[in-house]
Amino acid sequence: MALPATQMAPRTRVLLAEDETVTRRLLEAQMTRFGFEVLSVADGLSAWEVLQSPDAPSLVVLDWNMPGLDGPDICRRLRSSVRNSYTYMLLVTARNAKSDVVQGLQAGADDFISKPVDPDELHARLRTGERIVHLEQTLGRQVKELQAAAEHVRELQGMIPICMHCKRIRNQEQIWEKVETYIEQRSDAKFSHALCAECLEQHYPDTEKP
């Protein structure tokens, strides 16, 4: 049963760079039919410009030979740049010599597909790239969560300024907080209020003892 439109997962975005018009339109139509959201460009310089944007697709299909920058050029530039997430790059080429494969891999490509492109093979290779990108994104989120947790642990283990009279704690923003507020915001602990025996005796001396 198909999910309602509001519940459907967003389509994975793919950047397609191919200078030959007919081939580009054919590949774009195939990938759209596979369920991808395709952004297509006609040369390497345009592809590189797209990859500089903050929301650039993480899945890229590059023709080997293009004006301006060819596929391996883009791979090398991308791998040498500092990025927040991984970009999976698939080279489309008529080359199939071992030396060409080595050259493409050394440039930073993740996979190859030969021309003329077989639709089923293209679909399978794109899904492989999609799984790897999603895995990398999941791992990235988990690393950030662990780093945040470690920072909270360091806060709780370090030297904590506490007022000698009211017992409030000074946080990293130099704001004085109640002890329970400080701990609740930095851990999973929750507080409930009660009275110890000494405070019960001191503040409520007439209360009947259990």
Protein backbone atom coordinates (compact mmCIF):
# COMPACT_ATOMS: atom_id res chain seq x y z
CA MET A 1 0.00 0.00 0.00
CA ALA A 2 1.40 3.39 -0.96
CA LEU A 3 2.00 5.93 1.78
CA PRO A 4 -0.04 9.16 1.76
CA ALA A 5 1.83 12.04 0.18
CA THR A 6 2.43 13.65 3.59
CA GLN A 7 4.16 10.48 4.84
CA MET A 8 6.34 9.70 1.84
CA ALA A 9 10.08 9.94 2.38
CA PRO A 10 11.77 12.82 0.52
CA ARG A 11 13.41 11.85 -2.75
CA THR A 12 17.20 11.64 -2.82
CA ARG A 13 18.72 14.47 -4.84
CA VAL A 14 21.21 13.64 -7.61
CA LEU A 15 23.48 15.98 -9.55
CA LEU A 16 23.89 14.86 -13.18
CA ALA A 17 26.69 16.41 -15.25
CA GLU A 18 26.66 15.40 -18.93
CA ASP A 19 27.54 17.63 -21.89
CA GLU A 20 25.81 15.56 -24.59
CA THR A 21 22.19 16.79 -24.70
CA VAL A 22 20.43 13.59 -25.76
CA THR A 23 22.34 11.46 -23.25
CA ARG A 24 21.72 13.97 -20.47
CA ARG A 25 17.98 14.04 -21.10
CA LEU A 26 17.82 10.25 -21.31
CA LEU A 27 19.71 9.78 -18.03
CA GLU A 28 17.65 12.46 -16.33
CA ALA A 29 14.41 10.76 -17.40
CA GLN A 30 15.64 7.37 -16.20
CA MET A 31 16.75 8.65 -12.78
CA THR A 32 13.50 10.56 -12.33
CA ARG A 33 11.61 7.36 -13.08
CA PHE A 34 13.71 5.58 -10.43
CA GLY A 35 12.42 8.08 -7.86
CA PHE A 36 15.35 10.50 -7.63
CA GLU A 37 15.17 14.28 -7.76
CA VAL A 38 17.59 15.21 -10.55
CA LEU A 39 19.51 18.45 -10.99
CA SER A 40 21.25 18.34 -14.37
CA VAL A 41 24.00 20.54 -15.84
CA ALA A 42 25.80 20.52 -19.18
CA ASP A 43 29.46 20.97 -18.21
CA GLY A 44 32.00 20.45 -15.46
CA LEU A 45 32.24 24.07 -14.37
CA SER A 46 28.49 24.23 -13.76
CA ALA A 47 28.69 20.98 -11.81
CA TRP A 48 31.49 22.34 -9.64
CA GLU A 49 29.47 25.51 -8.98
CA VAL A 50 26.51 23.42 -7.79
CA LEU A 51 28.78 21.38 -5.52
CA GLN A 52 29.91 24.56 -3.74
CA SER A 53 26.40 25.33 -2.50
CA PRO A 54 25.49 24.40 1.11
CA ASP A 55 22.64 22.15 -0.04
CA ALA A 56 24.53 20.40 -2.85
CA PRO A 57 23.34 16.85 -3.62
CA SER A 58 25.34 14.10 -1.93
CA LEU A 59 24.92 11.77 -4.92
CA VAL A 60 26.68 12.83 -8.15
CA VAL A 61 26.76 11.30 -11.64
CA LEU A 62 29.61 12.70 -13.75
CA ASP A 63 30.48 12.20 -17.39
CA TRP A 64 34.21 11.57 -17.75
CA ASN A 65 34.75 13.96 -20.69
CA MET A 66 33.17 17.42 -20.33
CA PRO A 67 34.07 21.02 -21.23
CA GLY A 68 35.73 23.11 -18.54
CA LEU A 69 36.29 20.38 -15.97
CA ASP A 70 36.06 16.68 -16.69
CA GLY A 71 34.72 14.07 -14.28
CA PRO A 72 38.09 13.13 -12.68
CA ASP A 73 38.94 16.85 -12.27
CA ILE A 74 35.75 17.36 -10.24
CA CYS A 75 36.47 14.24 -8.17
CA ARG A 76 39.94 15.49 -7.29
CA ARG A 77 38.72 18.97 -6.38
CA LEU A 78 35.89 17.60 -4.25
CA ARG A 79 38.08 15.13 -2.35
CA SER A 80 40.65 17.83 -1.59
CA SER A 81 38.05 20.25 -0.21
CA VAL A 82 36.75 20.35 3.35
CA ARG A 83 33.12 19.26 3.52
CA ASN A 84 30.64 18.50 6.28
CA SER A 85 29.28 15.35 4.64
CA TYR A 86 30.32 12.69 2.16
CA THR A 87 29.61 12.99 -1.57
CA TYR A 88 29.25 9.76 -3.55
CA MET A 89 30.50 10.14 -7.13
CA LEU A 90 29.68 7.86 -10.04
CA LEU A 91 31.71 8.31 -13.25
CA VAL A 92 30.00 7.60 -16.58
CA THR A 93 32.53 6.70 -19.27
CA ALA A 94 33.16 4.75 -22.44
CA ARG A 95 36.63 3.92 -21.08
CA ASN A 96 37.08 0.48 -19.61
CA ALA A 97 40.86 -0.07 -19.60
CA LYS A 98 42.40 -1.00 -16.26
CA SER A 99 44.51 2.16 -16.32
CA ASP A 100 41.36 4.27 -16.73
CA VAL A 101 39.70 2.59 -13.76
CA VAL A 102 42.81 3.19 -11.64
CA GLN A 103 42.92 6.82 -12.74
CA GLY A 104 39.28 7.38 -11.84
CA LEU A 105 39.60 5.74 -8.43
CA GLN A 106 42.76 7.69 -7.64
CA ALA A 107 40.89 10.88 -8.54
CA GLY A 108 38.29 10.04 -5.89
CA ALA A 109 35.43 8.39 -7.79
CA ASP A 110 33.39 5.79 -5.87
CA ASP A 111 32.06 3.80 -8.83
CA PHE A 112 31.90 3.54 -12.63
CA ILE A 113 29.27 2.79 -15.21
CA SER A 114 30.02 2.25 -18.88
CA LYS A 115 28.40 3.84 -21.91
CA PRO A 116 25.95 3.06 -23.33
CA VAL A 117 24.33 3.11 -19.90
CA ASP A 118 22.12 0.15 -19.01
CA PRO A 119 19.09 1.47 -17.04
CA ASP A 120 18.96 -1.47 -14.61
CA GLU A 121 22.67 -1.19 -13.86
CA LEU A 122 22.34 2.56 -13.37
CA HIS A 123 19.46 2.03 -10.98
CA ALA A 124 21.38 -0.55 -8.95
CA ARG A 125 24.51 1.59 -8.70
CA LEU A 126 22.53 4.67 -7.68
CA ARG A 127 20.77 2.72 -4.93
CA THR A 128 24.14 1.51 -3.68
CA GLY A 129 25.38 5.09 -3.55
CA GLU A 130 22.18 6.18 -1.83
CA ARG A 131 22.62 3.56 0.90
CA ILE A 132 26.22 4.64 1.51
CA VAL A 133 25.27 8.33 1.70
CA HIS A 134 22.43 7.62 4.12
CA LEU A 135 24.72 5.48 6.27
CA GLU A 136 27.32 8.25 6.36
CA GLN A 137 24.66 10.80 7.35
CA THR A 138 23.39 8.53 10.13
CA LEU A 139 26.92 8.02 11.46
CA GLY A 140 27.53 11.77 11.30
CA ARG A 141 24.45 12.46 13.43
CA GLN A 142 25.51 9.83 15.95
CA VAL A 143 29.01 11.30 16.20
CA LYS A 144 27.53 14.75 16.91
CA GLU A 145 25.27 13.26 19.59
CA LEU A 146 28.23 11.53 21.21
CA GLN A 147 30.29 14.72 21.09
CA ALA A 148 27.45 16.64 22.76
CA ALA A 149 27.12 13.96 25.43
CA ALA A 150 30.88 14.02 26.05
CA GLU A 151 30.77 17.80 26.43
CA HIS A 152 28.02 17.47 29.03
CA VAL A 153 30.09 14.91 30.91
CA ARG A 154 33.08 17.26 30.90
CA GLU A 155 30.88 20.03 32.29
CA LEU A 156 29.67 17.84 35.13
CA GLN A 157 33.13 16.48 35.91
CA GLY A 158 34.96 19.79 35.84
CA MET A 159 35.26 22.54 38.44
CA ILE A 160 31.74 23.93 39.01
CA PRO A 161 31.39 27.32 40.77
CA ILE A 162 28.67 27.09 43.45
CA CYS A 163 27.46 29.88 45.73
CA MET A 164 28.39 29.12 49.35
CA HIS A 165 25.10 30.59 50.60
CA CYS A 166 22.26 29.88 48.14
CA LYS A 167 24.00 26.89 46.48
CA ARG A 168 23.26 28.12 42.97
CA ILE A 169 25.67 27.08 40.18
CA ARG A 170 27.29 29.46 37.70
CA ASN A 171 27.01 27.99 34.19
CA GLN A 172 29.25 28.61 31.16
CA GLU A 173 27.15 31.66 30.22
CA GLN A 174 27.99 33.12 33.66
CA ILE A 175 24.36 32.79 34.77
CA TRP A 176 23.54 31.49 38.23
CA GLU A 177 21.14 28.54 38.13
CA LYS A 178 19.52 26.29 40.70
CA VAL A 179 21.40 23.04 41.17
CA GLU A 180 18.49 20.96 39.91
CA THR A 181 18.08 23.16 36.81
CA TYR A 182 21.79 22.86 35.98
CA ILE A 183 21.80 19.06 36.30
CA GLU A 184 18.48 18.47 34.51
CA GLN A 185 19.65 20.46 31.47
CA ARG A 186 22.85 18.41 31.22
CA SER A 187 21.65 14.92 32.01
CA ASP A 188 18.60 12.68 32.03
CA ALA A 189 18.14 13.15 35.77
CA LYS A 190 14.80 14.47 37.09
CA PHE A 191 14.20 15.88 40.57
CA SER A 192 11.29 15.50 42.97
CA HIS A 193 11.09 17.46 46.20
CA ALA A 194 11.09 15.83 49.62
CA LEU A 195 12.25 16.53 53.19
CA CYS A 196 15.09 14.82 54.95
CA ALA A 197 14.64 13.95 58.62
CA GLU A 198 16.87 16.81 59.87
CA CYS A 199 15.05 19.50 57.84
CA LEU A 200 11.68 18.08 58.88
CA GLU A 201 12.74 18.38 62.54
CA GLN A 202 14.17 21.88 62.09
CA HIS A 203 11.44 23.51 60.00
CA TYR A 204 8.37 21.53 61.00
CA PRO A 205 8.96 20.54 64.63
CA ASP A 206 5.26 20.10 65.38
CA THR A 207 4.70 17.64 62.54
CA GLU A 208 3.75 14.21 63.76
CA LYS A 209 6.59 11.80 63.06
CA PRO A 210 5.79 8.56 61.23
